[in-house]
Amino acid sequence: MKPIIWKRALAFLIDTLIISLILVIIYFFIPYHDYANELNKIIESLLRDEISVRTYFVEMANVYQTAQQKDILLGIINLFLVIVFFIIVPYFKSKTIGQAINGIKIKSKKLTIAQLFIRAIVVNSILVTIITLASVNLLTPIPYMVLVFVLSIVQLVIVVKSIFMILLNSDNRGLQDIWSNTEIVFEEEKNEKRV
């Protein structure tokens, strides 16, 4: 495998770790809804045959949506961090922090916010996050859970397809690269072409 593939993976991991660390720090200051106990009670009720499978799904959907509603501020903060790390920073620097550490960058004739947004749709689930945040208070629990489930499956298929494209295509371009008309190159490769 080409080194660029490993550098891309490592860059994404670094960026994700940085965002995760920031979120962990934020969790100390903003209380979040821990719904694990509520979910465990529902699961135990189902296992003891105290509730039907249908009731189980309804109660699970209620708990999940309530938790998402109570934690909407954290969802918005997460979305903000993804926008900053994967759209704003690369717009000005042509690379994320992880890409800068790994000596790679995003190459395009003229990198635009739209191109970076398309990349974030594929790689960072930004569109799924926006839709779920926007619909958490608009839908009832079951339709909300179905929406989240369907969007998550679609996002997973897109990410897996993109990973296989990066691994198997000779140019190492994934869906995010093709749809946004960009590519990931070594930093020195971009500099050499300017000379």
N, C-alpha and C. Protein backbone atom coordinates (compact mmCIF):
# COMPACT_ATOMS: atom_id res chain seq x y z
N MET A 1 0.84 -1.19 0.00
CA MET A 1 0.00 0.00 0.00
C MET A 1 0.88 1.25 0.00
N LYS A 2 0.40 2.26 -0.69
CA LYS A 2 1.16 3.50 -0.76
C LYS A 2 1.17 4.22 0.58
N PRO A 3 2.26 4.94 0.88
CA PRO A 3 2.34 5.67 2.15
C PRO A 3 1.23 6.71 2.32
N ILE A 4 0.73 7.26 1.22
CA ILE A 4 -0.31 8.30 1.32
C ILE A 4 -1.56 7.75 1.99
N ILE A 5 -1.86 6.47 1.78
CA ILE A 5 -3.05 5.87 2.38
C ILE A 5 -2.90 5.85 3.90
N TRP A 6 -1.74 5.42 4.39
CA TRP A 6 -1.52 5.38 5.83
C TRP A 6 -1.50 6.78 6.42
N LYS A 7 -0.93 7.72 5.68
CA LYS A 7 -0.88 9.10 6.17
C LYS A 7 -2.29 9.69 6.25
N ARG A 8 -3.13 9.37 5.28
CA ARG A 8 -4.53 9.83 5.31
C ARG A 8 -5.24 9.27 6.54
N ALA A 9 -5.07 7.97 6.77
CA ALA A 9 -5.73 7.33 7.91
C ALA A 9 -5.23 7.92 9.23
N LEU A 10 -3.93 8.09 9.34
CA LEU A 10 -3.35 8.65 10.57
C LEU A 10 -3.81 10.09 10.77
N ALA A 11 -3.86 10.87 9.70
CA ALA A 11 -4.32 12.26 9.80
C ALA A 11 -5.76 12.32 10.31
N PHE A 12 -6.62 11.46 9.77
CA PHE A 12 -8.01 11.43 10.21
C PHE A 12 -8.09 11.04 11.68
N LEU A 13 -7.28 10.05 12.07
CA LEU A 13 -7.27 9.61 13.46
C LEU A 13 -6.82 10.74 14.39
N ILE A 14 -5.79 11.46 14.01
CA ILE A 14 -5.30 12.59 14.82
C ILE A 14 -6.38 13.66 14.96
N ASP A 15 -7.00 14.04 13.85
CA ASP A 15 -8.05 15.05 13.90
C ASP A 15 -9.21 14.61 14.78
N THR A 16 -9.60 13.34 14.65
CA THR A 16 -10.71 12.82 15.44
C THR A 16 -10.35 12.78 16.92
N LEU A 17 -9.12 12.41 17.24
CA LEU A 17 -8.69 12.40 18.64
C LEU A 17 -8.68 13.80 19.24
N ILE A 18 -8.23 14.78 18.48
CA ILE A 18 -8.23 16.16 18.97
C ILE A 18 -9.65 16.61 19.26
N ILE A 19 -10.57 16.36 18.34
CA ILE A 19 -11.97 16.75 18.55
C ILE A 19 -12.53 16.01 19.76
N SER A 20 -12.23 14.73 19.88
CA SER A 20 -12.73 13.93 21.01
C SER A 20 -12.20 14.47 22.34
N LEU A 21 -10.94 14.84 22.38
CA LEU A 21 -10.37 15.40 23.62
C LEU A 21 -11.04 16.71 23.99
N ILE A 22 -11.30 17.54 23.00
CA ILE A 22 -12.00 18.81 23.26
C ILE A 22 -13.40 18.53 23.80
N LEU A 23 -14.09 17.55 23.21
CA LEU A 23 -15.44 17.21 23.68
C LEU A 23 -15.42 16.66 25.10
N VAL A 24 -14.42 15.84 25.43
CA VAL A 24 -14.31 15.31 26.79
C VAL A 24 -14.14 16.45 27.79
N ILE A 25 -13.31 17.42 27.44
CA ILE A 25 -13.12 18.59 28.31
C ILE A 25 -14.43 19.36 28.46
N ILE A 26 -15.14 19.54 27.36
CA ILE A 26 -16.42 20.26 27.39
C ILE A 26 -17.43 19.51 28.26
N TYR A 27 -17.40 18.17 28.22
CA TYR A 27 -18.34 17.36 29.03
C TYR A 27 -18.18 17.63 30.52
N PHE A 28 -17.00 18.07 30.95
CA PHE A 28 -16.81 18.41 32.36
C PHE A 28 -17.57 19.67 32.74
N PHE A 29 -17.83 20.54 31.77
CA PHE A 29 -18.47 21.82 32.07
C PHE A 29 -19.95 21.86 31.68
N ILE A 30 -20.34 21.05 30.74
CA ILE A 30 -21.74 21.01 30.31
C ILE A 30 -22.30 19.64 30.67
N PRO A 31 -23.30 19.61 31.55
CA PRO A 31 -23.85 18.31 31.92
C PRO A 31 -24.53 17.65 30.72
N TYR A 32 -24.37 16.34 30.62
CA TYR A 32 -25.01 15.61 29.54
C TYR A 32 -25.90 14.52 30.13
N HIS A 33 -26.85 14.09 29.35
CA HIS A 33 -27.86 13.12 29.80
C HIS A 33 -27.31 11.71 29.64
N ASP A 34 -27.04 11.04 30.77
CA ASP A 34 -26.57 9.66 30.73
C ASP A 34 -27.80 8.75 30.77
N TYR A 35 -28.12 8.19 29.64
CA TYR A 35 -29.34 7.39 29.57
C TYR A 35 -29.07 5.89 29.59
N ALA A 36 -27.87 5.49 29.96
CA ALA A 36 -27.53 4.06 30.01
C ALA A 36 -28.39 3.31 31.02
N ASN A 37 -28.61 3.90 32.21
CA ASN A 37 -29.43 3.23 33.23
C ASN A 37 -30.86 3.04 32.75
N GLU A 38 -31.39 4.07 32.10
CA GLU A 38 -32.76 3.97 31.59
C GLU A 38 -32.87 2.88 30.53
N LEU A 39 -31.88 2.80 29.66
CA LEU A 39 -31.89 1.77 28.62
C LEU A 39 -31.74 0.37 29.23
N ASN A 40 -30.90 0.24 30.24
CA ASN A 40 -30.73 -1.06 30.90
C ASN A 40 -32.03 -1.53 31.55
N LYS A 41 -32.77 -0.60 32.16
CA LYS A 41 -34.06 -0.97 32.77
C LYS A 41 -35.03 -1.48 31.72
N ILE A 42 -35.04 -0.83 30.56
CA ILE A 42 -35.94 -1.26 29.47
C ILE A 42 -35.54 -2.64 28.97
N ILE A 43 -34.24 -2.86 28.81
CA ILE A 43 -33.74 -4.16 28.35
C ILE A 43 -34.10 -5.26 29.36
N GLU A 44 -33.89 -4.96 30.64
CA GLU A 44 -34.22 -5.94 31.68
C GLU A 44 -35.72 -6.26 31.68
N SER A 45 -36.56 -5.25 31.49
CA SER A 45 -38.01 -5.47 31.42
C SER A 45 -38.37 -6.38 30.26
N LEU A 46 -37.70 -6.19 29.14
CA LEU A 46 -37.95 -7.04 27.98
C LEU A 46 -37.51 -8.47 28.26
N LEU A 47 -36.33 -8.62 28.85
CA LEU A 47 -35.80 -9.96 29.14
C LEU A 47 -36.66 -10.71 30.17
N ARG A 48 -37.29 -9.98 31.08
CA ARG A 48 -38.17 -10.61 32.08
C ARG A 48 -39.60 -10.76 31.56
N ASP A 49 -39.81 -10.46 30.28
CA ASP A 49 -41.13 -10.55 29.65
C ASP A 49 -42.17 -9.63 30.29
N GLU A 50 -41.72 -8.52 30.85
CA GLU A 50 -42.64 -7.56 31.45
C GLU A 50 -43.20 -6.60 30.39
N ILE A 51 -42.50 -6.47 29.27
CA ILE A 51 -42.97 -5.62 28.17
C ILE A 51 -42.82 -6.38 26.86
N SER A 52 -43.61 -5.96 25.89
CA SER A 52 -43.53 -6.59 24.56
C SER A 52 -42.37 -5.98 23.77
N VAL A 53 -42.02 -6.62 22.68
CA VAL A 53 -40.96 -6.11 21.81
C VAL A 53 -41.36 -4.74 21.27
N ARG A 54 -42.63 -4.60 20.91
CA ARG A 54 -43.11 -3.30 20.41
C ARG A 54 -42.94 -2.20 21.46
N THR A 55 -43.34 -2.50 22.71
CA THR A 55 -43.19 -1.53 23.80
C THR A 55 -41.71 -1.22 24.03
N TYR A 56 -40.89 -2.26 23.92
CA TYR A 56 -39.44 -2.08 24.06
C TYR A 56 -38.93 -1.03 23.07
N PHE A 57 -39.29 -1.18 21.81
CA PHE A 57 -38.82 -0.23 20.79
C PHE A 57 -39.37 1.17 21.02
N VAL A 58 -40.62 1.27 21.43
CA VAL A 58 -41.22 2.59 21.70
C VAL A 58 -40.49 3.26 22.86
N GLU A 59 -40.26 2.51 23.94
CA GLU A 59 -39.58 3.09 25.10
C GLU A 59 -38.12 3.44 24.79
N MET A 60 -37.45 2.58 24.03
CA MET A 60 -36.07 2.88 23.62
C MET A 60 -36.02 4.17 22.79
N ALA A 61 -36.95 4.29 21.86
CA ALA A 61 -37.00 5.49 21.01
C ALA A 61 -37.26 6.73 21.85
N ASN A 62 -38.15 6.61 22.84
CA ASN A 62 -38.44 7.76 23.72
C ASN A 62 -37.21 8.19 24.50
N VAL A 63 -36.51 7.20 25.08
CA VAL A 63 -35.32 7.51 25.87
C VAL A 63 -34.24 8.13 24.98
N TYR A 64 -34.01 7.53 23.81
CA TYR A 64 -32.98 8.03 22.91
C TYR A 64 -33.28 9.47 22.46
N GLN A 65 -34.53 9.71 22.03
CA GLN A 65 -34.86 11.06 21.57
C GLN A 65 -34.79 12.07 22.71
N THR A 66 -35.25 11.69 23.90
CA THR A 66 -35.17 12.60 25.04
C THR A 66 -33.72 12.95 25.35
N ALA A 67 -32.85 11.95 25.30
CA ALA A 67 -31.43 12.20 25.55
C ALA A 67 -30.86 13.14 24.48
N GLN A 68 -31.23 12.92 23.23
CA GLN A 68 -30.74 13.78 22.15
C GLN A 68 -31.27 15.22 22.31
N GLN A 69 -32.51 15.35 22.75
CA GLN A 69 -33.09 16.69 22.97
C GLN A 69 -32.37 17.41 24.10
N LYS A 70 -32.11 16.68 25.18
CA LYS A 70 -31.44 17.29 26.34
C LYS A 70 -29.99 17.63 26.02
N ASP A 71 -29.38 16.85 25.13
CA ASP A 71 -27.97 17.06 24.80
C ASP A 71 -27.77 17.80 23.48
N ILE A 72 -28.76 18.54 23.04
CA ILE A 72 -28.67 19.22 21.74
C ILE A 72 -27.51 20.21 21.71
N LEU A 73 -27.22 20.84 22.83
CA LEU A 73 -26.09 21.78 22.88
C LEU A 73 -24.78 21.06 22.57
N LEU A 74 -24.61 19.86 23.12
CA LEU A 74 -23.40 19.09 22.83
C LEU A 74 -23.34 18.69 21.36
N GLY A 75 -24.50 18.36 20.77
CA GLY A 75 -24.55 18.04 19.35
C GLY A 75 -24.14 19.23 18.50
N ILE A 76 -24.59 20.41 18.90
CA ILE A 76 -24.25 21.64 18.17
C ILE A 76 -22.76 21.94 18.32
N ILE A 77 -22.22 21.74 19.51
CA ILE A 77 -20.78 21.95 19.73
C ILE A 77 -19.97 20.98 18.88
N ASN A 78 -20.39 19.73 18.85
CA ASN A 78 -19.71 18.72 18.03
C ASN A 78 -19.74 19.13 16.56
N LEU A 79 -20.89 19.56 16.07
CA LEU A 79 -21.02 20.02 14.69
C LEU A 79 -20.09 21.21 14.43
N PHE A 80 -20.05 22.15 15.37
CA PHE A 80 -19.18 23.32 15.25
C PHE A 80 -17.71 22.89 15.13
N LEU A 81 -17.29 21.94 15.97
CA LEU A 81 -15.89 21.47 15.93
C LEU A 81 -15.57 20.80 14.61
N VAL A 82 -16.50 20.00 14.09
CA VAL A 82 -16.28 19.35 12.80
C VAL A 82 -16.16 20.41 11.70
N ILE A 83 -17.02 21.42 11.74
CA ILE A 83 -16.95 22.49 10.74
C ILE A 83 -15.61 23.22 10.82
N VAL A 84 -15.17 23.53 12.03
CA VAL A 84 -13.90 24.24 12.20
C VAL A 84 -12.73 23.37 11.72
N PHE A 85 -12.67 22.12 12.18
CA PHE A 85 -11.53 21.26 11.89
C PHE A 85 -11.47 20.77 10.45
N PHE A 86 -12.64 20.51 9.85
CA PHE A 86 -12.64 19.88 8.53
C PHE A 86 -13.11 20.79 7.39
N ILE A 87 -13.58 22.00 7.72
CA ILE A 87 -13.98 22.93 6.65
C ILE A 87 -13.22 24.25 6.77
N ILE A 88 -13.30 24.91 7.93
CA ILE A 88 -12.70 26.24 8.08
C ILE A 88 -11.17 26.18 8.01
N VAL A 89 -10.54 25.34 8.84
CA VAL A 89 -9.07 25.25 8.85
C VAL A 89 -8.54 24.85 7.47
N PRO A 90 -9.09 23.79 6.83
CA PRO A 90 -8.58 23.44 5.50
C PRO A 90 -8.85 24.51 4.44
N TYR A 91 -9.90 25.29 4.62
CA TYR A 91 -10.17 26.36 3.65
C TYR A 91 -9.02 27.37 3.63
N PHE A 92 -8.47 27.66 4.79
CA PHE A 92 -7.39 28.64 4.86
C PHE A 92 -6.01 28.01 4.70
N LYS A 93 -5.85 26.74 5.09
CA LYS A 93 -4.53 26.11 5.09
C LYS A 93 -4.38 24.97 4.09
N SER A 94 -5.46 24.57 3.42
CA SER A 94 -5.48 23.42 2.51
C SER A 94 -5.17 22.10 3.20
N LYS A 95 -5.29 22.07 4.51
CA LYS A 95 -5.03 20.84 5.25
C LYS A 95 -5.63 20.94 6.65
N THR A 96 -5.95 19.78 7.20
CA THR A 96 -6.38 19.73 8.59
C THR A 96 -5.13 19.67 9.46
N ILE A 97 -5.31 19.71 10.76
CA ILE A 97 -4.16 19.62 11.67
C ILE A 97 -3.47 18.27 11.51
N GLY A 98 -4.26 17.21 11.44
CA GLY A 98 -3.69 15.87 11.24
C GLY A 98 -2.95 15.74 9.93
N GLN A 99 -3.50 16.35 8.88
CA GLN A 99 -2.81 16.31 7.58
C GLN A 99 -1.51 17.10 7.64
N ALA A 100 -1.52 18.22 8.33
CA ALA A 100 -0.29 19.03 8.46
C ALA A 100 0.79 18.23 9.18
N ILE A 101 0.42 17.52 10.24
CA ILE A 101 1.38 16.71 11.00
C ILE A 101 1.96 15.61 10.11
N ASN A 102 1.15 15.08 9.19
CA ASN A 102 1.58 13.97 8.34
C ASN A 102 2.14 14.40 6.99
N GLY A 103 2.27 15.70 6.76
CA GLY A 103 2.89 16.19 5.53
C GLY A 103 2.04 15.99 4.28
N ILE A 104 0.72 16.00 4.43
CA ILE A 104 -0.17 15.89 3.28
C ILE A 104 -1.15 17.06 3.29
N LYS A 105 -1.78 17.28 2.15
CA LYS A 105 -2.76 18.37 2.08
C LYS A 105 -3.79 18.07 1.00
N ILE A 106 -4.83 18.87 0.99
CA ILE A 106 -5.91 18.74 0.01
C ILE A 106 -5.53 19.57 -1.21
N LYS A 107 -5.56 18.95 -2.38
CA LYS A 107 -5.18 19.64 -3.61
C LYS A 107 -6.43 19.90 -4.45
N SER A 108 -6.53 21.14 -4.92
CA SER A 108 -7.60 21.56 -5.81
C SER A 108 -7.13 22.80 -6.54
N LYS A 109 -7.75 23.08 -7.71
CA LYS A 109 -7.36 24.30 -8.42
C LYS A 109 -7.57 25.51 -7.53
N LYS A 110 -8.75 25.62 -6.94
CA LYS A 110 -9.04 26.66 -5.96
C LYS A 110 -10.01 26.05 -4.96
N LEU A 111 -9.50 25.71 -3.79
CA LEU A 111 -10.29 25.03 -2.78
C LEU A 111 -11.42 25.93 -2.28
N THR A 112 -12.64 25.40 -2.28
CA THR A 112 -13.80 26.18 -1.86
C THR A 112 -14.47 25.55 -0.64
N ILE A 113 -15.29 26.34 0.03
CA ILE A 113 -16.08 25.85 1.16
C ILE A 113 -16.99 24.72 0.70
N ALA A 114 -17.58 24.85 -0.49
CA ALA A 114 -18.48 23.82 -1.02
C ALA A 114 -17.74 22.49 -1.17
N GLN A 115 -16.53 22.51 -1.69
CA GLN A 115 -15.74 21.29 -1.84
C GLN A 115 -15.46 20.65 -0.47
N LEU A 116 -15.11 21.47 0.50
CA LEU A 116 -14.82 20.96 1.83
C LEU A 116 -16.08 20.44 2.51
N PHE A 117 -17.22 21.08 2.25
CA PHE A 117 -18.48 20.59 2.80
C PHE A 117 -18.81 19.22 2.22
N ILE A 118 -18.59 19.05 0.92
CA ILE A 118 -18.83 17.74 0.28
C ILE A 118 -17.91 16.69 0.90
N ARG A 119 -16.66 17.03 1.12
CA ARG A 119 -15.73 16.09 1.76
C ARG A 119 -16.23 15.74 3.17
N ALA A 120 -16.74 16.73 3.90
CA ALA A 120 -17.23 16.50 5.26
C ALA A 120 -18.51 15.67 5.28
N ILE A 121 -19.30 15.74 4.21
CA ILE A 121 -20.50 14.89 4.11
C ILE A 121 -20.07 13.42 4.11
N VAL A 122 -19.07 13.10 3.33
CA VAL A 122 -18.62 11.71 3.20
C VAL A 122 -17.83 11.27 4.44
N VAL A 123 -16.85 12.03 4.82
CA VAL A 123 -15.91 11.61 5.85
C VAL A 123 -16.42 11.84 7.27
N ASN A 124 -17.11 12.93 7.51
CA ASN A 124 -17.46 13.33 8.87
C ASN A 124 -18.95 13.30 9.19
N SER A 125 -19.76 12.78 8.31
CA SER A 125 -21.20 12.65 8.55
C SER A 125 -21.87 13.98 8.87
N ILE A 126 -21.36 15.06 8.32
CA ILE A 126 -21.86 16.38 8.68
C ILE A 126 -23.33 16.57 8.29
N LEU A 127 -23.73 16.05 7.15
CA LEU A 127 -25.12 16.19 6.72
C LEU A 127 -26.05 15.37 7.62
N VAL A 128 -25.62 14.18 8.01
CA VAL A 128 -26.40 13.35 8.93
C VAL A 128 -26.57 14.09 10.26
N THR A 129 -25.51 14.69 10.76
CA THR A 129 -25.57 15.44 12.02
C THR A 129 -26.52 16.61 11.91
N ILE A 130 -26.45 17.36 10.82
CA ILE A 130 -27.34 18.51 10.64
C ILE A 130 -28.80 18.05 10.59
N ILE A 131 -29.09 17.01 9.83
CA ILE A 131 -30.47 16.52 9.71
C ILE A 131 -30.99 16.01 11.04
N THR A 132 -30.18 15.25 11.77
CA THR A 132 -30.66 14.71 13.05
C THR A 132 -30.84 15.82 14.09
N LEU A 133 -29.95 16.81 14.11
CA LEU A 133 -30.11 17.93 15.03
C LEU A 133 -31.36 18.74 14.69
N ALA A 134 -31.60 18.92 13.40
CA ALA A 134 -32.76 19.72 12.98
C ALA A 134 -34.08 18.99 13.22
N SER A 135 -34.07 17.66 13.18
CA SER A 135 -35.33 16.92 13.29
C SER A 135 -35.62 16.37 14.67
N VAL A 136 -34.70 16.50 15.62
CA VAL A 136 -34.89 15.90 16.94
C VAL A 136 -36.13 16.43 17.64
N ASN A 137 -36.48 17.67 17.42
CA ASN A 137 -37.67 18.25 18.06
C ASN A 137 -38.88 18.30 17.12
N LEU A 138 -38.69 17.91 15.88
CA LEU A 138 -39.78 17.97 14.90
C LEU A 138 -40.54 16.65 14.76
N LEU A 139 -39.86 15.55 14.99
CA LEU A 139 -40.45 14.23 14.79
C LEU A 139 -40.80 13.58 16.12
N THR A 140 -41.73 12.65 16.07
CA THR A 140 -42.02 11.84 17.25
C THR A 140 -40.92 10.79 17.37
N PRO A 141 -40.82 10.11 18.52
CA PRO A 141 -39.67 9.22 18.76
C PRO A 141 -39.44 8.12 17.71
N ILE A 142 -40.48 7.38 17.31
CA ILE A 142 -40.26 6.27 16.38
C ILE A 142 -39.78 6.78 15.01
N PRO A 143 -40.46 7.76 14.39
CA PRO A 143 -39.93 8.26 13.11
C PRO A 143 -38.52 8.84 13.24
N TYR A 144 -38.22 9.47 14.38
CA TYR A 144 -36.88 10.01 14.59
C TYR A 144 -35.85 8.89 14.62
N MET A 145 -36.15 7.82 15.36
CA MET A 145 -35.23 6.68 15.41
C MET A 145 -35.05 6.03 14.05
N VAL A 146 -36.13 5.91 13.29
CA VAL A 146 -36.03 5.33 11.94
C VAL A 146 -35.16 6.22 11.07
N LEU A 147 -35.36 7.53 11.14
CA LEU A 147 -34.55 8.47 10.37
C LEU A 147 -33.07 8.33 10.73
N VAL A 148 -32.77 8.34 12.01
CA VAL A 148 -31.38 8.21 12.47
C VAL A 148 -30.78 6.89 11.99
N PHE A 149 -31.55 5.81 12.12
CA PHE A 149 -31.07 4.49 11.70
C PHE A 149 -30.78 4.45 10.20
N VAL A 150 -31.71 4.93 9.39
CA VAL A 150 -31.54 4.91 7.93
C VAL A 150 -30.36 5.78 7.52
N LEU A 151 -30.29 6.99 8.08
CA LEU A 151 -29.17 7.87 7.73
C LEU A 151 -27.83 7.27 8.16
N SER A 152 -27.80 6.61 9.30
CA SER A 152 -26.57 5.98 9.78
C SER A 152 -26.13 4.85 8.86
N ILE A 153 -27.08 4.06 8.39
CA ILE A 153 -26.76 2.95 7.47
C ILE A 153 -26.23 3.51 6.15
N VAL A 154 -26.91 4.53 5.62
CA VAL A 154 -26.46 5.14 4.36
C VAL A 154 -25.06 5.71 4.54
N GLN A 155 -24.82 6.40 5.65
CA GLN A 155 -23.50 6.98 5.91
C GLN A 155 -22.44 5.89 6.00
N LEU A 156 -22.76 4.81 6.68
CA LEU A 156 -21.82 3.70 6.81
C LEU A 156 -21.46 3.11 5.44
N VAL A 157 -22.46 2.92 4.59
CA VAL A 157 -22.22 2.37 3.24
C VAL A 157 -21.31 3.32 2.45
N ILE A 158 -21.58 4.62 2.54
CA ILE A 158 -20.76 5.60 1.82
C ILE A 158 -19.31 5.58 2.32
N VAL A 159 -19.13 5.53 3.62
CA VAL A 159 -17.77 5.52 4.19
C VAL A 159 -17.03 4.25 3.79
N VAL A 160 -17.69 3.10 3.90
CA VAL A 160 -17.03 1.84 3.53
C VAL A 160 -16.67 1.83 2.05
N LYS A 161 -17.59 2.28 1.20
CA LYS A 161 -17.31 2.35 -0.24
C LYS A 161 -16.11 3.27 -0.49
N SER A 162 -16.08 4.41 0.18
CA SER A 162 -14.97 5.34 -0.01
C SER A 162 -13.64 4.74 0.44
N ILE A 163 -13.65 4.02 1.56
CA ILE A 163 -12.42 3.38 2.04
C ILE A 163 -11.91 2.38 1.01
N PHE A 164 -12.82 1.55 0.49
CA PHE A 164 -12.40 0.57 -0.51
C PHE A 164 -11.90 1.25 -1.79
N MET A 165 -12.52 2.37 -2.16
CA MET A 165 -12.05 3.10 -3.34
C MET A 165 -10.63 3.61 -3.11
N ILE A 166 -10.37 4.16 -1.92
CA ILE A 166 -9.03 4.67 -1.61
C ILE A 166 -8.01 3.53 -1.66
N LEU A 167 -8.39 2.38 -1.12
CA LEU A 167 -7.47 1.25 -1.07
C LEU A 167 -7.25 0.61 -2.43
N LEU A 168 -8.28 0.57 -3.28
CA LEU A 168 -8.21 -0.20 -4.52
C LEU A 168 -7.96 0.62 -5.78
N ASN A 169 -8.33 1.89 -5.79
CA ASN A 169 -8.10 2.72 -6.98
C ASN A 169 -6.63 3.08 -7.10
N SER A 170 -6.15 3.12 -8.32
CA SER A 170 -4.73 3.43 -8.54
C SER A 170 -4.39 4.86 -8.11
N ASP A 171 -5.37 5.77 -8.16
CA ASP A 171 -5.11 7.15 -7.76
C ASP A 171 -5.43 7.40 -6.28
N ASN A 172 -5.86 6.37 -5.56
CA ASN A 172 -6.17 6.46 -4.13
C ASN A 172 -7.21 7.53 -3.80
N ARG A 173 -8.16 7.74 -4.69
CA ARG A 173 -9.20 8.73 -4.45
C ARG A 173 -10.48 8.02 -4.00
N GLY A 174 -11.09 8.57 -2.95
CA GLY A 174 -12.36 8.07 -2.44
C GLY A 174 -13.51 8.92 -2.95
N LEU A 175 -14.71 8.60 -2.49
CA LEU A 175 -15.89 9.36 -2.90
C LEU A 175 -15.74 10.84 -2.57
N GLN A 176 -15.21 11.15 -1.38
CA GLN A 176 -15.06 12.55 -1.00
C GLN A 176 -14.14 13.29 -1.96
N ASP A 177 -13.13 12.61 -2.48
CA ASP A 177 -12.20 13.24 -3.42
C ASP A 177 -12.86 13.44 -4.79
N ILE A 178 -13.55 12.41 -5.25
CA ILE A 178 -14.18 12.47 -6.57
C ILE A 178 -15.32 13.47 -6.59
N TRP A 179 -16.22 13.38 -5.59
CA TRP A 179 -17.38 14.28 -5.56
C TRP A 179 -16.98 15.74 -5.37
N SER A 180 -15.88 15.98 -4.66
CA SER A 180 -15.46 17.37 -4.42
C SER A 180 -14.40 17.86 -5.40
N ASN A 181 -13.99 16.98 -6.32
CA ASN A 181 -12.96 17.32 -7.30
C ASN A 181 -11.67 17.79 -6.60
N THR A 182 -11.26 17.00 -5.61
CA THR A 182 -10.02 17.27 -4.87
C THR A 182 -9.23 15.97 -4.79
N GLU A 183 -8.02 16.07 -4.28
CA GLU A 183 -7.24 14.88 -3.97
C GLU A 183 -6.30 15.19 -2.83
N ILE A 184 -5.84 14.14 -2.17
CA ILE A 184 -4.87 14.29 -1.09
C ILE A 184 -3.50 13.99 -1.67
N VAL A 185 -2.58 14.93 -1.47
CA VAL A 185 -1.22 14.78 -2.00
C VAL A 185 -0.21 15.06 -0.89
N PHE A 186 1.02 14.61 -1.11
CA PHE A 186 2.09 14.96 -0.19
C PHE A 186 2.34 16.46 -0.30
N GLU A 187 2.67 17.07 0.79
CA GLU A 187 2.91 18.51 0.84
C GLU A 187 3.97 18.92 -0.18
N GLU A 188 5.07 18.19 -0.27
CA GLU A 188 6.14 18.54 -1.20
C GLU A 188 5.71 18.38 -2.64
N GLU A 189 4.76 17.45 -2.91
CA GLU A 189 4.28 17.26 -4.28
C GLU A 189 3.55 18.51 -4.77
N LYS A 190 2.76 19.13 -3.89
CA LYS A 190 2.04 20.34 -4.28
C LYS A 190 3.03 21.49 -4.48
N ASN A 191 4.03 21.56 -3.59
CA ASN A 191 5.02 22.64 -3.69
C ASN A 191 5.85 22.50 -4.95
N GLU A 192 6.20 21.27 -5.35
CA GLU A 192 7.00 21.06 -6.55
C GLU A 192 6.26 21.54 -7.80
N LYS A 193 4.96 21.38 -7.84
CA LYS A 193 4.19 21.76 -9.02
C LYS A 193 4.09 23.27 -9.16
N ARG A 194 4.27 24.00 -8.05
CA ARG A 194 4.21 25.46 -8.12
C ARG A 194 5.47 26.04 -8.72
N VAL A 195 6.61 25.34 -8.57
CA VAL A 195 7.90 25.85 -9.02
C VAL A 195 7.97 25.92 -10.52
